[in-house]
Amino acid sequence: TGGTSGKPARVIHSTDTLASAVDALEKTVGPGPLSSICCLPVRHLGGWMQVFRAIRTGGCVFFCSYRDLAQERMGQKLMGRWLSLVPTQLFQLVKSGRALENLRKARGIFVGGGPLRPDLAKKCREEAIPVWPTYGLSETAGMVTLLKADDFLNGREGVGQAMPHADLLLSEGERKILIRTESLCLAKPPKVFDSGESFQSEDFGEVDAEGYWKILGRADRTIITGGEKVDPALVEKAILETGLVEECVVIGKEDTKWGQVVTAYLSPYGVPLGKVQEITKNTLQGPCYPKKWVTTEKLPVSEMGKPLG
């Protein structure tokens, strides 16, 4: 796992914990071989689970770069297969007409690892892309919630309901998501989990009366600058809403004076930075307004779409 730091860390699973995640997915999407196009690194759990699903259900896996999905030949490969993408990959693909045509042929596209931007969700709905938003962690062998594509395409937001092998609760006070699941890892060294133990995530969430979940942000992404807390997701949202930026990521850079400095990375390189700064000065007050701005062609994110702090 890389977590939000992007630095490699270990989680220890057994075949039983991995199998419980696969069995729950089958119960949710229907039985049959779970065949995939794998664009995620297999050294991360998000990539490895696609292999394990195929092993357990008699499916197969085709490996490629997500960029290959914009090639004509990939349309046939996607027929009847599942695809797992992070939002940054999906954002790049929907710019291509050929990729859109190919993506429509997939059995479904699991999208997790980060929030699905409103403009990206809107584009996917307009293009009838079978997106299945999901929430999960390396510690839980991946998905613990799933929103069916029909619900997504009909306008429902969030990451869906808990899957059969998992129960989700909100902790009192902080409203962090607490997960009890059969697919919980045996250990995340040095922490060892007892049988039946719940896992306290760092994700803030909310759930409606029908059991549909939304992810509101992560506690471990919070930036502390001059003693003030800043939610980088809110800063990113304000920057993207200017309509002048394709992508952005906000992180806290270490600083001797402030502790951390709110730093905004914007893509592509040629964005009208001055205009973006002018607009966001009216929406981002005090410590939320970035002290440093960087324009770049490649955002500082990992292969799994996680910001690299």
Protein backbone atom coordinates (compact mmCIF):
# COMPACT_ATOMS: atom_id res chain seq x y z
CA THR A 1 0.00 0.00 0.00
CA GLY A 2 1.11 3.57 -0.48
CA GLY A 3 -1.53 5.48 1.47
CA THR A 4 -1.70 9.22 0.98
CA SER A 5 2.05 9.53 1.43
CA GLY A 6 2.80 7.50 -1.68
CA LYS A 7 5.57 5.74 0.26
CA PRO A 8 5.48 1.92 0.16
CA ALA A 9 4.18 0.19 3.28
CA ARG A 10 3.17 -3.39 3.98
CA VAL A 11 -0.20 -4.92 4.74
CA ILE A 12 -0.38 -8.66 5.38
CA HIS A 13 -3.37 -10.57 4.04
CA SER A 14 -4.21 -14.26 3.84
CA THR A 15 -5.92 -16.09 1.00
CA ASP A 16 -9.02 -16.11 3.23
CA THR A 17 -9.16 -12.34 3.61
CA LEU A 18 -8.61 -11.83 -0.11
CA ALA A 19 -11.18 -14.50 -0.96
CA SER A 20 -13.85 -12.85 1.19
CA ALA A 21 -13.44 -9.64 -0.82
CA VAL A 22 -13.79 -11.53 -4.11
CA ASP A 23 -16.84 -13.47 -2.91
CA ALA A 24 -18.54 -10.25 -1.80
CA LEU A 25 -17.88 -8.70 -5.19
CA GLU A 26 -19.44 -11.70 -6.93
CA LYS A 27 -22.53 -11.37 -4.75
CA THR A 28 -22.77 -7.71 -5.71
CA VAL A 29 -22.13 -7.82 -9.47
CA GLY A 30 -23.32 -11.35 -10.20
CA PRO A 31 -21.57 -14.72 -10.56
CA GLY A 32 -19.25 -15.73 -13.32
CA PRO A 33 -15.58 -15.29 -14.20
CA LEU A 34 -14.22 -11.90 -13.11
CA SER A 35 -11.99 -10.99 -16.05
CA SER A 36 -10.19 -7.65 -16.08
CA ILE A 37 -8.07 -5.20 -17.95
CA CYS A 38 -5.40 -4.30 -15.39
CA CYS A 39 -3.89 -0.81 -15.60
CA LEU A 40 -2.82 -0.57 -11.95
CA PRO A 41 0.53 -1.76 -10.58
CA VAL A 42 0.29 -5.31 -9.19
CA ARG A 43 2.70 -4.39 -6.40
CA HIS A 44 -0.22 -2.41 -4.99
CA LEU A 45 -3.30 -4.18 -3.75
CA GLY A 46 -5.53 -2.41 -6.28
CA GLY A 47 -3.68 -4.16 -9.09
CA TRP A 48 -3.11 -7.47 -7.35
CA MET A 49 -6.82 -7.98 -6.53
CA GLN A 50 -7.64 -8.06 -10.24
CA VAL A 51 -5.27 -11.01 -10.55
CA PHE A 52 -6.66 -12.74 -7.47
CA ARG A 53 -10.27 -12.30 -8.69
CA ALA A 54 -9.34 -14.05 -11.92
CA ILE A 55 -7.60 -16.88 -10.07
CA ARG A 56 -10.56 -17.45 -7.76
CA THR A 57 -13.33 -17.19 -10.38
CA GLY A 58 -11.68 -18.69 -13.46
CA GLY A 59 -11.27 -15.35 -15.20
CA CYS A 60 -8.34 -13.84 -17.05
CA VAL A 61 -6.36 -10.60 -16.94
CA PHE A 62 -4.96 -8.46 -19.76
CA PHE A 63 -2.21 -6.06 -18.66
CA CYS A 64 -1.61 -2.68 -20.28
CA SER A 65 -1.12 1.01 -19.60
CA TYR A 66 -4.32 2.96 -19.12
CA ARG A 67 -3.19 5.13 -22.04
CA ASP A 68 -3.57 2.09 -24.31
CA LEU A 69 -7.33 2.25 -23.76
CA ALA A 70 -7.47 5.10 -26.28
CA GLN A 71 -6.34 2.72 -29.04
CA GLU A 72 -8.86 1.18 -31.43
CA ARG A 73 -7.68 -2.40 -30.81
CA MET A 74 -8.63 -2.17 -27.12
CA GLY A 75 -12.37 -2.02 -27.80
CA GLN A 76 -12.57 -5.77 -28.35
CA LYS A 77 -10.37 -6.45 -25.31
CA LEU A 78 -12.77 -4.52 -23.06
CA MET A 79 -15.86 -6.51 -24.08
CA GLY A 80 -17.17 -8.32 -21.00
CA ARG A 81 -14.23 -7.31 -18.81
CA TRP A 82 -14.00 -5.19 -15.70
CA LEU A 83 -11.65 -2.24 -15.51
CA SER A 84 -10.27 -0.51 -12.41
CA LEU A 85 -9.14 3.10 -12.68
CA VAL A 86 -8.26 5.95 -10.37
CA PRO A 87 -9.95 9.30 -11.13
CA THR A 88 -6.82 10.88 -12.60
CA GLN A 89 -6.59 8.10 -15.19
CA LEU A 90 -10.28 8.34 -16.06
CA PHE A 91 -9.99 12.11 -16.42
CA GLN A 92 -7.30 11.73 -19.07
CA LEU A 93 -9.19 9.02 -20.95
CA VAL A 94 -12.49 10.89 -21.32
CA LYS A 95 -10.68 13.52 -23.42
CA SER A 96 -10.40 10.93 -26.20
CA GLY A 97 -13.37 10.02 -28.38
CA ARG A 98 -11.84 6.63 -29.11
CA ALA A 99 -11.31 5.93 -25.41
CA LEU A 100 -14.93 6.87 -24.67
CA GLU A 101 -16.11 4.45 -27.33
CA ASN A 102 -13.94 1.71 -25.86
CA LEU A 103 -14.93 2.37 -22.24
CA ARG A 104 -18.62 1.95 -23.08
CA LYS A 105 -17.87 -1.67 -24.02
CA ALA A 106 -16.53 -2.62 -20.58
CA ARG A 107 -18.69 -4.73 -18.29
CA GLY A 108 -18.04 -2.05 -15.71
CA ILE A 109 -15.40 0.41 -14.52
CA PHE A 110 -14.55 0.44 -10.82
CA VAL A 111 -13.39 3.94 -9.88
CA GLY A 112 -11.78 4.40 -6.48
CA GLY A 113 -8.71 5.70 -4.73
CA GLY A 114 -9.96 9.27 -4.58
CA PRO A 115 -12.96 11.54 -5.13
CA LEU A 116 -14.76 11.59 -8.46
CA ARG A 117 -14.88 15.25 -9.49
CA PRO A 118 -18.37 16.61 -10.32
CA ASP A 119 -17.32 17.63 -13.83
CA LEU A 120 -15.82 14.19 -14.47
CA ALA A 121 -18.94 12.44 -13.15
CA LYS A 122 -21.08 14.67 -15.38
CA LYS A 123 -18.99 13.79 -18.44
CA CYS A 124 -19.22 10.06 -17.71
CA ARG A 125 -22.99 10.27 -17.35
CA GLU A 126 -23.35 12.23 -20.58
CA GLU A 127 -21.25 9.62 -22.39
CA ALA A 128 -23.00 6.63 -20.74
CA ILE A 129 -19.75 5.24 -19.29
CA PRO A 130 -20.54 2.31 -16.92
CA VAL A 131 -18.79 3.71 -13.86
CA TRP A 132 -19.08 1.90 -10.52
CA PRO A 133 -17.75 4.31 -7.84
CA THR A 134 -16.25 2.45 -4.91
CA TYR A 135 -14.54 2.94 -1.57
CA GLY A 136 -11.96 0.66 -0.04
CA LEU A 137 -8.48 0.42 1.42
CA SER A 138 -5.47 -1.84 1.13
CA GLU A 139 -6.20 -2.86 4.72
CA THR A 140 -9.63 -4.18 3.64
CA ALA A 141 -8.43 -5.97 0.49
CA GLY A 142 -10.00 -3.23 -1.58
CA MET A 143 -13.68 -2.47 -2.01
CA VAL A 144 -16.08 -2.34 0.94
CA THR A 145 -18.74 -0.18 -0.77
CA LEU A 146 -19.93 -0.10 -4.35
CA LEU A 147 -22.36 2.09 -6.29
CA LYS A 148 -23.91 0.26 -9.24
CA ALA A 149 -23.49 1.83 -12.65
CA ASP A 150 -27.24 2.17 -13.19
CA ASP A 151 -27.52 4.22 -9.99
CA PHE A 152 -24.51 6.32 -10.98
CA LEU A 153 -25.83 6.99 -14.47
CA ASN A 154 -29.20 7.99 -12.99
CA GLY A 155 -27.49 10.71 -10.98
CA ARG A 156 -26.88 9.16 -7.57
CA GLU A 157 -23.69 10.47 -5.97
CA GLY A 158 -21.27 8.89 -3.53
CA VAL A 159 -19.71 5.45 -3.32
CA GLY A 160 -22.78 3.28 -2.76
CA GLN A 161 -23.82 0.87 -0.06
CA ALA A 162 -21.71 -1.47 2.06
CA MET A 163 -20.91 -4.76 0.34
CA PRO A 164 -22.04 -8.09 1.86
CA HIS A 165 -18.81 -8.75 3.74
CA ALA A 166 -18.57 -5.33 5.42
CA ASP A 167 -20.29 -3.06 7.92
CA LEU A 168 -19.46 0.65 8.07
CA LEU A 169 -20.12 3.01 10.95
CA LEU A 170 -19.20 6.59 11.80
CA SER A 171 -17.13 7.28 14.89
CA GLU A 172 -18.60 9.74 17.34
CA GLY A 173 -17.27 13.27 17.22
CA GLU A 174 -14.86 13.17 14.28
CA ARG A 175 -17.26 11.22 12.01
CA LYS A 176 -14.50 9.01 10.65
CA ILE A 177 -15.48 5.76 8.93
CA LEU A 178 -15.10 2.64 11.05
CA ILE A 179 -15.01 -0.63 9.08
CA ARG A 180 -15.73 -4.15 10.24
CA THR A 181 -15.08 -6.64 7.46
CA GLU A 182 -14.15 -10.27 6.82
CA SER A 183 -11.47 -9.01 4.42
CA LEU A 184 -9.50 -7.03 7.02
CA CYS A 185 -5.79 -7.68 6.78
CA LEU A 186 -4.02 -9.76 9.43
CA ALA A 187 -1.55 -6.99 10.13
CA LYS A 188 -0.18 -3.66 9.07
CA PRO A 189 3.20 -3.86 10.77
CA PRO A 190 3.75 -3.22 13.56
CA LYS A 191 -0.04 -3.34 14.18
CA VAL A 192 -1.60 -6.83 14.34
CA PHE A 193 -5.39 -7.12 14.10
CA ASP A 194 -7.44 -9.46 16.25
CA SER A 195 -10.15 -11.59 14.65
CA GLY A 196 -13.33 -9.53 14.28
CA GLU A 197 -11.55 -6.25 15.08
CA SER A 198 -12.80 -3.07 13.41
CA PHE A 199 -10.51 -0.82 11.41
CA GLN A 200 -10.52 2.92 12.04
CA SER A 201 -9.96 4.70 8.75
CA GLU A 202 -8.78 8.27 8.33
CA ASP A 203 -11.68 9.06 5.99
CA PHE A 204 -14.53 11.37 6.98
CA GLY A 205 -17.89 10.26 5.68
CA GLU A 206 -21.64 10.49 5.82
CA VAL A 207 -24.43 7.99 5.15
CA ASP A 208 -28.08 8.53 4.25
CA ALA A 209 -31.16 6.69 5.48
CA GLU A 210 -30.86 4.12 2.66
CA GLY A 211 -27.27 3.26 3.57
CA TYR A 212 -25.57 5.09 0.70
CA TRP A 213 -22.16 6.48 1.63
CA LYS A 214 -20.22 9.59 0.67
CA ILE A 215 -16.56 10.25 1.40
CA LEU A 216 -15.96 13.82 2.59
CA GLY A 217 -12.18 13.92 2.96
CA ARG A 218 -9.20 12.47 4.80
CA ALA A 219 -7.87 13.46 8.18
CA ASP A 220 -4.30 12.53 7.25
CA ARG A 221 -4.33 15.00 4.36
CA THR A 222 -5.09 17.93 6.67
CA ILE A 223 -2.50 20.71 6.38
CA ILE A 224 -1.43 22.52 9.56
CA THR A 225 -0.14 25.97 8.64
CA GLY A 226 0.59 28.55 11.31
CA GLY A 227 -1.48 26.52 13.75
CA GLU A 228 -4.54 26.56 11.45
CA LYS A 229 -6.08 23.46 9.85
CA VAL A 230 -6.70 23.46 6.09
CA ASP A 231 -8.60 20.80 4.15
CA PRO A 232 -6.75 20.48 0.81
CA ALA A 233 -9.83 18.97 -0.85
CA LEU A 234 -11.74 22.22 -0.34
CA VAL A 235 -8.87 24.24 -1.81
CA GLU A 236 -8.68 21.90 -4.82
CA LYS A 237 -12.43 22.22 -5.33
CA ALA A 238 -12.26 26.03 -5.36
CA ILE A 239 -9.39 26.00 -7.87
CA LEU A 240 -11.12 23.55 -10.20
CA GLU A 241 -14.35 25.55 -10.06
CA THR A 242 -12.58 28.46 -11.75
CA GLY A 243 -12.83 26.43 -14.95
CA LEU A 244 -9.29 27.51 -15.87
CA VAL A 245 -7.47 24.42 -14.62
CA GLU A 246 -7.69 20.84 -15.87
CA GLU A 247 -6.24 19.22 -12.75
CA CYS A 248 -4.79 20.29 -9.44
CA VAL A 249 -3.48 18.85 -6.21
CA VAL A 250 -2.86 20.74 -2.97
CA ILE A 251 -0.32 19.55 -0.42
CA GLY A 252 1.45 20.89 2.65
CA LYS A 253 5.15 21.54 2.11
CA GLU A 254 7.37 21.59 5.18
CA ASP A 255 8.33 25.13 6.25
CA THR A 256 10.41 26.40 9.19
CA LYS A 257 8.15 29.41 9.81
CA TRP A 258 4.64 28.04 9.15
CA GLY A 259 5.15 24.34 9.88
CA GLN A 260 3.55 23.59 6.52
CA VAL A 261 2.83 25.84 3.57
CA VAL A 262 -0.30 25.32 1.48
CA THR A 263 1.07 24.59 -2.00
CA ALA A 264 -1.09 24.27 -5.10
CA TYR A 265 0.10 22.36 -8.18
CA LEU A 266 -1.90 23.17 -11.31
CA SER A 267 -1.96 21.44 -14.68
CA PRO A 268 -1.35 22.00 -17.52
CA TYR A 269 1.75 24.16 -17.41
CA GLY A 270 0.20 27.01 -19.41
CA VAL A 271 -2.80 27.74 -17.15
CA PRO A 272 -3.48 31.48 -16.61
CA LEU A 273 -2.09 31.46 -13.09
CA GLY A 274 -2.73 35.13 -12.37
CA LYS A 275 -6.41 34.78 -13.24
CA VAL A 276 -6.76 31.66 -11.10
CA GLN A 277 -5.18 33.46 -8.15
CA GLU A 278 -7.41 36.48 -8.63
CA ILE A 279 -10.62 34.42 -8.64
CA THR A 280 -9.70 32.17 -5.73
CA LYS A 281 -8.73 35.10 -3.51
CA ASN A 282 -12.45 35.74 -3.25
CA THR A 283 -13.33 32.15 -2.30
CA LEU A 284 -10.34 30.98 -0.25
CA GLN A 285 -9.90 33.00 2.89
CA GLY A 286 -6.91 33.34 5.23
CA PRO A 287 -4.80 30.17 5.61
CA CYS A 288 -6.77 28.34 2.89
CA TYR A 289 -5.31 30.56 0.18
CA PRO A 290 -2.14 28.84 -1.12
CA LYS A 291 1.13 30.56 -0.33
CA LYS A 292 2.89 28.73 -3.16
CA TRP A 293 1.63 28.04 -6.69
CA VAL A 294 3.27 25.72 -9.22
CA THR A 295 2.17 25.08 -12.81
CA THR A 296 3.24 21.74 -14.23
CA GLU A 297 2.42 19.16 -16.88
CA LYS A 298 2.68 16.29 -14.37
CA LEU A 299 1.07 16.52 -10.95
CA PRO A 300 2.91 15.13 -7.90
CA VAL A 301 0.71 12.05 -7.53
CA SER A 302 1.50 8.33 -7.32
CA GLU A 303 0.51 5.62 -9.80
CA MET A 304 -2.57 5.08 -7.63
CA GLY A 305 -3.52 8.76 -7.87
CA LYS A 306 -2.44 9.61 -4.32
CA PRO A 307 -0.88 13.05 -3.65
CA LEU A 308 2.83 12.86 -2.92
CA GLY A 309 3.46 15.12 0.05
